[in-house]
Amino acid sequence: MGDTPKRTMPADGGQTPPRRRGAKGQADVTNAFDAWLDRQLHQMFDRVAKEPIPEDLLRLIEGDKRKQEP
């Protein structure tokens, strides 16, 4: 039991530190997560991103553009 390190609450209030890619295994896990997240986001939002922009919104954008031109 003396060899087991004690787990304590971090001084920063429990926030996890940013991931470090030091070891190959950690980089593989991070890359796998990134690939999974990319697939999930595309699956959820590609259809929405391909929808046409409503005419009312296009008119608002064009009107604002004209106001900003010198």
C-alpha atoms as a PDB file:
ATOM      1  CA  MET A   1       0.000   0.000   0.000  1.00  0.00           C
ATOM      2  CA  GLY A   2       2.906   2.377   0.546  1.00  0.00           C
ATOM      3  CA  ASP A   3       3.723   2.396  -3.201  1.00  0.00           C
ATOM      4  CA  THR A   4       0.292   3.637  -4.303  1.00  0.00           C
ATOM      5  CA  PRO A   5       0.218   7.419  -4.815  1.00  0.00           C
ATOM      6  CA  LYS A   6      -2.554   9.264  -3.007  1.00  0.00           C
ATOM      7  CA  ARG A   7      -5.155  10.984  -5.130  1.00  0.00           C
ATOM      8  CA  THR A   8      -5.874  14.514  -4.046  1.00  0.00           C
ATOM      9  CA  MET A   9      -8.085  17.315  -5.328  1.00  0.00           C
ATOM     10  CA  PRO A  10      -6.106  19.674  -7.593  1.00  0.00           C
ATOM     11  CA  ALA A  11      -5.427  23.156  -6.270  1.00  0.00           C
ATOM     12  CA  ASP A  12      -7.274  24.723  -9.227  1.00  0.00           C
ATOM     13  CA  GLY A  13     -10.676  23.607  -7.942  1.00  0.00           C
ATOM     14  CA  GLY A  14     -10.959  20.383  -9.899  1.00  0.00           C
ATOM     15  CA  GLN A  15     -10.613  21.725 -13.418  1.00  0.00           C
ATOM     16  CA  THR A  16      -8.814  19.307 -15.669  1.00  0.00           C
ATOM     17  CA  PRO A  17      -5.587  20.515 -17.266  1.00  0.00           C
ATOM     18  CA  PRO A  18      -5.289  20.686 -21.056  1.00  0.00           C
ATOM     19  CA  ARG A  19      -4.319  17.449 -22.800  1.00  0.00           C
ATOM     20  CA  ARG A  20      -0.673  16.937 -23.546  1.00  0.00           C
ATOM     21  CA  ARG A  21       0.483  14.852 -26.470  1.00  0.00           C
ATOM     22  CA  GLY A  22       3.674  13.569 -24.927  1.00  0.00           C
ATOM     23  CA  ALA A  23       3.196   9.833 -25.206  1.00  0.00           C
ATOM     24  CA  LYS A  24       2.192   8.058 -28.396  1.00  0.00           C
ATOM     25  CA  GLY A  25      -0.744   6.386 -26.662  1.00  0.00           C
ATOM     26  CA  GLN A  26      -2.148   9.721 -25.568  1.00  0.00           C
ATOM     27  CA  ALA A  27      -1.803  11.149 -29.092  1.00  0.00           C
ATOM     28  CA  ASP A  28      -3.641   8.107 -30.476  1.00  0.00           C
ATOM     29  CA  VAL A  29      -6.497   8.609 -28.008  1.00  0.00           C
ATOM     30  CA  THR A  30      -6.686  12.306 -28.823  1.00  0.00           C
ATOM     31  CA  ASN A  31      -6.646  11.637 -32.582  1.00  0.00           C
ATOM     32  CA  ALA A  32      -9.344   8.982 -32.214  1.00  0.00           C
ATOM     33  CA  PHE A  33     -11.519  11.391 -30.235  1.00  0.00           C
ATOM     34  CA  ASP A  34     -10.953  14.170 -32.787  1.00  0.00           C
ATOM     35  CA  ALA A  35     -11.971  11.834 -35.627  1.00  0.00           C
ATOM     36  CA  TRP A  36     -15.065  10.665 -33.744  1.00  0.00           C
ATOM     37  CA  LEU A  37     -16.082  14.247 -32.913  1.00  0.00           C
ATOM     38  CA  ASP A  38     -15.580  15.348 -36.517  1.00  0.00           C
ATOM     39  CA  ARG A  39     -17.816  12.519 -37.780  1.00  0.00           C
ATOM     40  CA  GLN A  40     -20.522  13.255 -35.214  1.00  0.00           C
ATOM     41  CA  LEU A  41     -20.577  16.989 -35.967  1.00  0.00           C
ATOM     42  CA  HIS A  42     -20.789  16.346 -39.702  1.00  0.00           C
ATOM     43  CA  GLN A  43     -23.576  13.829 -39.170  1.00  0.00           C
ATOM     44  CA  MET A  44     -25.552  16.326 -37.084  1.00  0.00           C
ATOM     45  CA  PHE A  45     -24.963  19.564 -38.997  1.00  0.00           C
ATOM     46  CA  ASP A  46     -24.107  18.892 -42.671  1.00  0.00           C
ATOM     47  CA  ARG A  47     -27.762  18.839 -43.665  1.00  0.00           C
ATOM     48  CA  VAL A  48     -28.412  22.162 -41.915  1.00  0.00           C
ATOM     49  CA  ALA A  49     -25.319  23.783 -43.434  1.00  0.00           C
ATOM     50  CA  LYS A  50     -26.508  22.834 -46.932  1.00  0.00           C
ATOM     51  CA  GLU A  51     -29.908  24.519 -46.507  1.00  0.00           C
ATOM     52  CA  PRO A  52     -30.436  27.665 -48.589  1.00  0.00           C
ATOM     53  CA  ILE A  53     -30.107  31.020 -46.813  1.00  0.00           C
ATOM     54  CA  PRO A  54     -33.535  32.664 -46.364  1.00  0.00           C
ATOM     55  CA  GLU A  55     -34.185  35.656 -48.661  1.00  0.00           C
ATOM     56  CA  ASP A  56     -34.976  37.930 -45.696  1.00  0.00           C
ATOM     57  CA  LEU A  57     -31.580  37.241 -44.168  1.00  0.00           C
ATOM     58  CA  LEU A  58     -29.791  37.822 -47.479  1.00  0.00           C
ATOM     59  CA  ARG A  59     -31.561  41.203 -47.801  1.00  0.00           C
ATOM     60  CA  LEU A  60     -30.476  42.190 -44.276  1.00  0.00           C
ATOM     61  CA  ILE A  61     -26.865  41.237 -45.015  1.00  0.00           C
ATOM     62  CA  GLU A  62     -26.827  43.134 -48.316  1.00  0.00           C
ATOM     63  CA  GLY A  63     -28.404  46.206 -46.668  1.00  0.00           C
ATOM     64  CA  ASP A  64     -25.801  46.196 -43.912  1.00  0.00           C
ATOM     65  CA  LYS A  65     -23.020  45.783 -46.479  1.00  0.00           C
ATOM     66  CA  ARG A  66     -24.214  48.879 -48.370  1.00  0.00           C
ATOM     67  CA  LYS A  67     -24.330  50.930 -45.151  1.00  0.00           C
ATOM     68  CA  GLN A  68     -20.685  50.048 -44.363  1.00  0.00           C
ATOM     69  CA  GLU A  69     -19.309  50.884 -47.830  1.00  0.00           C
ATOM     70  CA  PRO A  70     -17.684  54.345 -48.053  1.00  0.00           C
END
